[in-house]
Amino acid sequence: MNILVINGSPSGQYSITLQTVRYLEKLNSQHSFTVLNAAQTIHAIEKNFEPSKQKLLEADLILFCYPVYTFIAPSQIHSFIRLMKECGADFTGKTVSQITTSKHFYDITAHNYVMENCMDMGMNFVQGLSADMDDILKPKGQKQAQDYFKHLLWCMENGIFEKPRAHVERTLVHSVSVPTKAVPHKAGKPVVIVQDSTNTNETLLAMIKRFQAKLPYETKVVDIGTFPMKGGCLGCFHCAADGKCIYKDGYEDLLRNEIQSGASIVYAFNILDHSMGPRYKMYDDRQFCNGHRTVTSGMPMGYLITGDLDSEPNLKMIIDGRGQVGGNHIAAIATNQSNPEQEVDQLAACLSYELENGFAMSPNFLGVGGMKIFRDLIYLMGGMMRADYKFYKKTGIFDDFPQKQKGTRFKMKLVGMLMNNPKLMAKAGNAMNEGMVGPYRKVIDNVKSE
């Protein structure tokens, strides 16, 4: 077979993910592997997509190979997929799969993103390989890579592919009125509205204006579409020590002084290719200058979205996960699916309530699980990611290691000994249950009614 590898790592030939492909290539010399360094050469590809299009058309198998960046594929892959959709070529029936490396932090949403877009183009998709960064160095990881490729070939031979999700056509509402008079504004930091003028429409602009008129706080619009970002994250780790990006385009000042300095952040975007679009993804990826530090924890967030969000469960998970991991409660999400005016007004009301009352929800699995992955990662790599390590140590993120909870572990041993002794259990009767709820009753007994 002629296998085309779409290398989505900005590191090019030095990509860790690509080494898994090289390993499989060595084992399967009967096939021809061609690597297209899409991320590293994306600016040239954007100027002339024709050579890439021809390679795609000539391939028997297309293999996306990339590191997971902030919940999805790197921004350069977003741009490449957009070019695939716009180039006019027919990729129907082409077989495609993917290989990623990460610490398994939202690798599932990255895989879903690539799969959904390939299915949009009528391509036959085979489940991909999600590997840890050092899996290929271990016998178990090597076997998993071999098993993946063997399964991929078997699926191709037998015509077994992922089934596309049924698409339900919905009529969106595009008429949104803007009040002629805004509500009075309260004192305080402004609410920052981040938008991308390269991917917007009149409906979204009207929703932004209505939100500004209904929110009783000053707002400031930051347009990342016109900001001169030189490119997407390079994965160079130049920022790991001091938080400074290798690009000298002023992005850090924009992020920290214009956006994160506000009282709240509201993201406004039009759904494009099952995501927020390439420009927004570039903005997200570049936030790695903050490393894995939850620097906006406690700040409420909101969303203004045009597009059929109910048909985008993966994008919904990304939005929820971003808030959960960052410690940012999402006040509300306003869309133009049914009643945009009511939803925009509710977003303004909910965000105002949260700003006035300091409301914050406890994290669910998406937040707790994500932060535990980061906790373990930074604990191990603290020597390199020094800024992250200092932040995690200062904020107590390392304090919930289970091995540190010696008291609880000792108590559980005693309980275990008791439970394994039928005679003691019979004598104890209901004492164990009483002992378990005792501390909770003490808290409740001390509550004073307001």
Foldseek 3Di string as FASTA:
>chain_A
DEEEEEELALVPPPDLQCVLVVLVCVVCVVYHYHYDPQNVCVVVCVVPVVVVVVSLVPGQEYEYTAEAFQLAGFLSVLSVLVCVVPVPDQNAAREYEYEYEDLPQNPVLHRVLVVQSCVVSNYFYDYYHYYYSCLCVDPVSVVSSVVRVVVSVVCVVVVNGDDHDDDDDADFAQDADADPAADAADDDFAEEEEEEPVFDDPSLVSLVRNLCRQANHHYHYDYLNPQPDPHADNPPLPLLAPLDDPDPRCLVCCCVVVHLVGQAYEYEAEDDSLERGSSVSRNRRSNCSVPQFLPNALRAYEYEYEDDVVRRVSRVLSVLLVCLQSNYHHQAYAYRRPDRSVRSNSSSVSNNVCSVPSDGDHHDCSRVVSLVSVLVVCVVVCVSNVVVVVNCVVVVVVVVDVVNPVVVVVVVVVVVVQVVDVVSCVVCPCVVVCVVCVVVVVVVVPDDDD
